[in-house]
PDB file of all heavy atoms in Angstrom:
ATOM      1  N   VAL A   1      -2.343  -5.200  -8.076  1.00  0.00           N
ATOM      2  CA  VAL A   1      -1.636  -3.844  -8.424  1.00  0.00           C
ATOM      3  C   VAL A   1      -2.226  -2.839  -7.376  1.00  0.00           C
ATOM      4  O   VAL A   1      -3.342  -2.545  -7.466  1.00  0.00           O
ATOM      5  CB  VAL A   1      -1.749  -3.448  -9.834  1.00  0.00           C
ATOM      6  CG1 VAL A   1      -0.924  -2.060 -10.099  1.00  0.00           C
ATOM      7  CG2 VAL A   1      -1.314  -4.422 -10.845  1.00  0.00           C
ATOM      8  N   ALA A   2      -1.298  -2.348  -6.572  1.00  0.00           N
ATOM      9  CA  ALA A   2      -1.616  -1.186  -5.738  1.00  0.00           C
ATOM     10  C   ALA A   2      -1.194   0.171  -6.428  1.00  0.00           C
ATOM     11  O   ALA A   2      -0.032   0.112  -6.881  1.00  0.00           O
ATOM     12  CB  ALA A   2      -0.823  -1.283  -4.399  1.00  0.00           C
ATOM     13  N   ILE A   3      -2.085   1.036  -6.605  1.00  0.00           N
ATOM     14  CA  ILE A   3      -1.813   2.345  -7.350  1.00  0.00           C
ATOM     15  C   ILE A   3      -1.620   3.488  -6.420  1.00  0.00           C
ATOM     16  O   ILE A   3      -2.520   3.629  -5.485  1.00  0.00           O
ATOM     17  CB  ILE A   3      -2.932   2.471  -8.424  1.00  0.00           C
ATOM     18  CG1 ILE A   3      -3.071   1.183  -9.275  1.00  0.00           C
ATOM     19  CG2 ILE A   3      -2.438   3.712  -9.340  1.00  0.00           C
ATOM     20  CD1 ILE A   3      -4.234   1.387 -10.249  1.00  0.00           C
ATOM     21  N   GLY A   4      -0.680   4.310  -6.694  1.00  0.00           N
ATOM     22  CA  GLY A   4      -0.634   5.491  -5.997  1.00  0.00           C
ATOM     23  C   GLY A   4       0.776   6.351  -6.352  1.00  0.00           C
ATOM     24  O   GLY A   4       1.703   5.643  -6.724  1.00  0.00           O
ATOM     25  N   ASN A   5       0.781   7.523  -5.738  1.00  0.00           N
ATOM     26  CA  ASN A   5       2.117   8.222  -5.800  1.00  0.00           C
ATOM     27  C   ASN A   5       3.167   7.604  -4.703  1.00  0.00           C
ATOM     28  O   ASN A   5       4.369   7.784  -4.857  1.00  0.00           O
ATOM     29  CB  ASN A   5       2.012   9.627  -5.665  1.00  0.00           C
ATOM     30  CG  ASN A   5       1.230  10.314  -6.898  1.00  0.00           C
ATOM     31  OD1 ASN A   5       1.598  10.051  -7.963  1.00  0.00           O
ATOM     32  ND2 ASN A   5       0.155  10.987  -6.580  1.00  0.00           N
ATOM     33  N   PHE A   6       2.562   7.240  -3.642  1.00  0.00           N
ATOM     34  CA  PHE A   6       3.254   6.646  -2.465  1.00  0.00           C
ATOM     35  C   PHE A   6       4.608   7.449  -2.035  1.00  0.00           C
ATOM     36  O   PHE A   6       5.591   6.959  -1.857  1.00  0.00           O
ATOM     37  CB  PHE A   6       3.755   5.259  -2.927  1.00  0.00           C
ATOM     38  CG  PHE A   6       2.665   4.135  -3.081  1.00  0.00           C
ATOM     39  CD1 PHE A   6       2.463   3.731  -4.457  1.00  0.00           C
ATOM     40  CD2 PHE A   6       2.001   3.787  -2.102  1.00  0.00           C
ATOM     41  CE1 PHE A   6       1.334   2.814  -4.650  1.00  0.00           C
ATOM     42  CE2 PHE A   6       0.913   2.880  -2.305  1.00  0.00           C
ATOM     43  CZ  PHE A   6       0.605   2.425  -3.710  1.00  0.00           C
ATOM     44  N   ASP A   7       4.135   8.866  -2.043  1.00  0.00           N
ATOM     45  CA  ASP A   7       5.267   9.698  -1.576  1.00  0.00           C
ATOM     46  C   ASP A   7       5.529   9.450  -0.020  1.00  0.00           C
ATOM     47  O   ASP A   7       4.614   9.831   0.650  1.00  0.00           O
ATOM     48  CB  ASP A   7       4.858  11.215  -1.832  1.00  0.00           C
ATOM     49  CG  ASP A   7       6.115  12.113  -1.582  1.00  0.00           C
ATOM     50  OD1 ASP A   7       7.212  11.714  -1.587  1.00  0.00           O
ATOM     51  OD2 ASP A   7       5.886  13.367  -1.437  1.00  0.00           O
ATOM     52  N   GLY A   8       6.618   9.057   0.284  1.00  0.00           N
ATOM     53  CA  GLY A   8       6.962   8.803   1.667  1.00  0.00           C
ATOM     54  C   GLY A   8       6.706   7.314   2.147  1.00  0.00           C
ATOM     55  O   GLY A   8       7.335   6.907   3.142  1.00  0.00           O
ATOM     56  N   LEU A   9       5.918   6.591   1.480  1.00  0.00           N
ATOM     57  CA  LEU A   9       5.571   5.192   1.855  1.00  0.00           C
ATOM     58  C   LEU A   9       5.211   5.241   3.337  1.00  0.00           C
ATOM     59  O   LEU A   9       5.899   4.398   3.994  1.00  0.00           O
ATOM     60  CB  LEU A   9       6.652   4.193   1.496  1.00  0.00           C
ATOM     61  CG  LEU A   9       6.427   3.513   0.052  1.00  0.00           C
ATOM     62  CD1 LEU A   9       7.527   2.571  -0.186  1.00  0.00           C
ATOM     63  CD2 LEU A   9       5.169   2.711  -0.013  1.00  0.00           C
ATOM     64  N   HIS A  10       4.416   6.043   3.812  1.00  0.00           N
ATOM     65  CA  HIS A  10       4.089   6.119   5.172  1.00  0.00           C
ATOM     66  C   HIS A  10       3.110   5.050   5.640  1.00  0.00           C
ATOM     67  O   HIS A  10       2.787   4.047   4.930  1.00  0.00           O
ATOM     68  CB  HIS A  10       3.417   7.559   5.441  1.00  0.00           C
ATOM     69  CG  HIS A  10       2.212   7.788   4.568  1.00  0.00           C
ATOM     70  ND1 HIS A  10       0.871   7.124   4.742  1.00  0.00           N
ATOM     71  CD2 HIS A  10       1.972   8.721   3.593  1.00  0.00           C
ATOM     72  CE1 HIS A  10       0.176   7.574   3.866  1.00  0.00           C
ATOM     73  NE2 HIS A  10       0.603   8.634   3.116  1.00  0.00           N
ATOM     74  N   LEU A  11       2.680   5.074   6.921  1.00  0.00           N
ATOM     75  CA  LEU A  11       1.913   4.005   7.509  1.00  0.00           C
ATOM     76  C   LEU A  11       0.524   3.762   6.750  1.00  0.00           C
ATOM     77  O   LEU A  11       0.031   2.802   6.756  1.00  0.00           O
ATOM     78  CB  LEU A  11       1.866   4.146   8.959  1.00  0.00           C
ATOM     79  CG  LEU A  11       3.081   3.975   9.796  1.00  0.00           C
ATOM     80  CD1 LEU A  11       2.842   4.381  11.212  1.00  0.00           C
ATOM     81  CD2 LEU A  11       3.732   2.540   9.731  1.00  0.00           C
ATOM     82  N   GLY A  12      -0.010   4.873   6.342  1.00  0.00           N
ATOM     83  CA  GLY A  12      -1.283   4.671   5.554  1.00  0.00           C
ATOM     84  C   GLY A  12      -1.083   3.926   4.387  1.00  0.00           C
ATOM     85  O   GLY A  12      -1.805   3.016   3.992  1.00  0.00           O
ATOM     86  N   HIS A  13       0.051   4.302   3.574  1.00  0.00           N
ATOM     87  CA  HIS A  13       0.433   3.493   2.416  1.00  0.00           C
ATOM     88  C   HIS A  13       0.799   1.999   2.710  1.00  0.00           C
ATOM     89  O   HIS A  13       0.283   1.160   2.062  1.00  0.00           O
ATOM     90  CB  HIS A  13       1.602   3.969   1.696  1.00  0.00           C
ATOM     91  CG  HIS A  13       1.501   5.409   1.172  1.00  0.00           C
ATOM     92  ND1 HIS A  13       2.490   6.343   1.152  1.00  0.00           N
ATOM     93  CD2 HIS A  13       0.453   6.034   0.526  1.00  0.00           C
ATOM     94  CE1 HIS A  13       2.083   7.449   0.594  1.00  0.00           C
ATOM     95  NE2 HIS A  13       0.841   7.262   0.243  1.00  0.00           N
ATOM     96  N   GLN A  14       1.297   1.738   3.925  1.00  0.00           N
ATOM     97  CA  GLN A  14       1.797   0.440   4.262  1.00  0.00           C
ATOM     98  C   GLN A  14       0.458  -0.411   4.601  1.00  0.00           C
ATOM     99  O   GLN A  14       0.396  -1.601   4.331  1.00  0.00           O
ATOM    100  CB  GLN A  14       2.707   0.502   5.308  1.00  0.00           C
ATOM    101  CG  GLN A  14       3.984   1.046   4.836  1.00  0.00           C
ATOM    102  CD  GLN A  14       5.174   1.065   5.992  1.00  0.00           C
ATOM    103  OE1 GLN A  14       5.203   0.213   6.855  1.00  0.00           O
ATOM    104  NE2 GLN A  14       5.863   2.095   6.043  1.00  0.00           N
ATOM    105  N   THR A  15      -0.584   0.291   5.195  1.00  0.00           N
ATOM    106  CA  THR A  15      -1.762  -0.389   5.483  1.00  0.00           C
ATOM    107  C   THR A  15      -2.413  -0.874   4.217  1.00  0.00           C
ATOM    108  O   THR A  15      -2.953  -1.999   3.971  1.00  0.00           O
ATOM    109  CB  THR A  15      -2.684   0.419   6.254  1.00  0.00           C
ATOM    110  OG1 THR A  15      -2.110   0.775   7.487  1.00  0.00           O
ATOM    111  CG2 THR A  15      -4.101  -0.198   6.459  1.00  0.00           C
ATOM    112  N   LEU A  16      -2.448   0.099   3.175  1.00  0.00           N
ATOM    113  CA  LEU A  16      -3.031  -0.344   1.801  1.00  0.00           C
ATOM    114  C   LEU A  16      -2.248  -1.531   1.219  1.00  0.00           C
ATOM    115  O   LEU A  16      -2.916  -2.443   0.713  1.00  0.00           O
ATOM    116  CB  LEU A  16      -3.024   0.952   0.966  1.00  0.00           C
ATOM    117  CG  LEU A  16      -3.577   0.778  -0.406  1.00  0.00           C
ATOM    118  CD1 LEU A  16      -4.125   2.175  -0.842  1.00  0.00           C
ATOM    119  CD2 LEU A  16      -2.681   0.238  -1.395  1.00  0.00           C
ATOM    120  N   LEU A  17      -0.930  -1.470   1.459  1.00  0.00           N
ATOM    121  CA  LEU A  17      -0.096  -2.558   0.827  1.00  0.00           C
ATOM    122  C   LEU A  17      -0.321  -3.885   1.526  1.00  0.00           C
ATOM    123  O   LEU A  17      -0.269  -4.907   0.903  1.00  0.00           O
ATOM    124  CB  LEU A  17       1.381  -2.097   0.878  1.00  0.00           C
ATOM    125  CG  LEU A  17       1.674  -0.966  -0.155  1.00  0.00           C
ATOM    126  CD1 LEU A  17       3.033  -0.466  -0.086  1.00  0.00           C
ATOM    127  CD2 LEU A  17       1.414  -1.444  -1.645  1.00  0.00           C
ATOM    128  N   ASP A  18      -0.618  -3.729   2.863  1.00  0.00           N
ATOM    129  CA  ASP A  18      -0.881  -4.945   3.614  1.00  0.00           C
ATOM    130  C   ASP A  18      -2.110  -5.692   3.165  1.00  0.00           C
ATOM    131  O   ASP A  18      -2.227  -6.842   3.019  1.00  0.00           O
ATOM    132  CB  ASP A  18      -0.943  -4.744   5.068  1.00  0.00           C
ATOM    133  CG  ASP A  18       0.315  -4.315   5.724  1.00  0.00           C
ATOM    134  OD1 ASP A  18       1.342  -4.640   5.117  1.00  0.00           O
ATOM    135  OD2 ASP A  18       0.282  -3.766   6.812  1.00  0.00           O
ATOM    136  N   GLN A  19      -3.085  -4.806   2.868  1.00  0.00           N
ATOM    137  CA  GLN A  19      -4.305  -5.437   2.241  1.00  0.00           C
ATOM    138  C   GLN A  19      -4.122  -6.073   0.932  1.00  0.00           C
ATOM    139  O   GLN A  19      -4.619  -7.043   0.611  1.00  0.00           O
ATOM    140  CB  GLN A  19      -5.451  -4.427   2.287  1.00  0.00           C
ATOM    141  CG  GLN A  19      -5.874  -3.920   3.636  1.00  0.00           C
ATOM    142  CD  GLN A  19      -7.203  -3.200   3.606  1.00  0.00           C
ATOM    143  OE1 GLN A  19      -8.115  -3.518   2.835  1.00  0.00           O
ATOM    144  NE2 GLN A  19      -7.330  -2.213   4.538  1.00  0.00           N
ATOM    145  N   ALA A  20      -3.383  -5.302   0.192  1.00  0.00           N
ATOM    146  CA  ALA A  20      -3.091  -5.774  -1.199  1.00  0.00           C
ATOM    147  C   ALA A  20      -2.182  -7.096  -1.125  1.00  0.00           C
ATOM    148  O   ALA A  20      -2.401  -7.958  -1.959  1.00  0.00           O
ATOM    149  CB  ALA A  20      -2.361  -4.753  -2.030  1.00  0.00           C
ATOM    150  N   ARG A  21      -1.318  -7.133  -0.160  1.00  0.00           N
ATOM    151  CA  ARG A  21      -0.458  -8.407  -0.103  1.00  0.00           C
ATOM    152  C   ARG A  21      -1.391  -9.620   0.258  1.00  0.00           C
ATOM    153  O   ARG A  21      -1.189 -10.704  -0.279  1.00  0.00           O
ATOM    154  CB  ARG A  21       0.591  -8.098   0.941  1.00  0.00           C
ATOM    155  CG  ARG A  21       1.591  -9.294   1.154  1.00  0.00           C
ATOM    156  CD  ARG A  21       2.591  -8.891   2.204  1.00  0.00           C
ATOM    157  NE  ARG A  21       3.407  -7.834   1.647  1.00  0.00           N
ATOM    158  CZ  ARG A  21       3.401  -6.475   2.106  1.00  0.00           C
ATOM    159  NH1 ARG A  21       2.546  -6.307   3.073  1.00  0.00           N
ATOM    160  NH2 ARG A  21       4.160  -5.670   1.599  1.00  0.00           N
ATOM    161  N   LYS A  22      -2.361  -9.378   1.166  1.00  0.00           N
ATOM    162  CA  LYS A  22      -3.262 -10.452   1.496  1.00  0.00           C
ATOM    163  C   LYS A  22      -3.983 -10.919   0.404  1.00  0.00           C
ATOM    164  O   LYS A  22      -4.212 -12.162   0.290  1.00  0.00           O
ATOM    165  CB  LYS A  22      -4.223  -9.960   2.703  1.00  0.00           C
ATOM    166  CG  LYS A  22      -5.086 -11.132   3.138  1.00  0.00           C
ATOM    167  CD  LYS A  22      -5.956 -10.620   4.253  1.00  0.00           C
ATOM    168  CE  LYS A  22      -6.946 -11.806   4.797  1.00  0.00           C
ATOM    169  NZ  LYS A  22      -7.599 -12.446   3.798  1.00  0.00           N
ATOM    170  N   ILE A  23      -4.495  -9.965  -0.425  1.00  0.00           N
ATOM    171  CA  ILE A  23      -5.297 -10.391  -1.605  1.00  0.00           C
ATOM    172  C   ILE A  23      -4.407 -11.223  -2.576  1.00  0.00           C
ATOM    173  O   ILE A  23      -4.764 -12.234  -3.146  1.00  0.00           O
ATOM    174  CB  ILE A  23      -5.799  -9.179  -2.354  1.00  0.00           C
ATOM    175  CG1 ILE A  23      -6.902  -8.463  -1.485  1.00  0.00           C
ATOM    176  CG2 ILE A  23      -6.566  -9.569  -3.640  1.00  0.00           C
ATOM    177  CD1 ILE A  23      -7.271  -7.231  -1.822  1.00  0.00           C
ATOM    178  N   ALA A  24      -3.108 -10.747  -2.740  1.00  0.00           N
ATOM    179  CA  ALA A  24      -2.236 -11.399  -3.640  1.00  0.00           C
ATOM    180  C   ALA A  24      -1.965 -12.807  -3.244  1.00  0.00           C
ATOM    181  O   ALA A  24      -1.840 -13.834  -4.033  1.00  0.00           O
ATOM    182  CB  ALA A  24      -0.838 -10.507  -3.773  1.00  0.00           C
TER     183      ALA A  24
END
């Protein structure tokens, strides 16, 4: 579970989600 407001889903958010995806 990646947690946040994710307003804009910008490249910083996407980097976080890339790491979360690898863990998943």
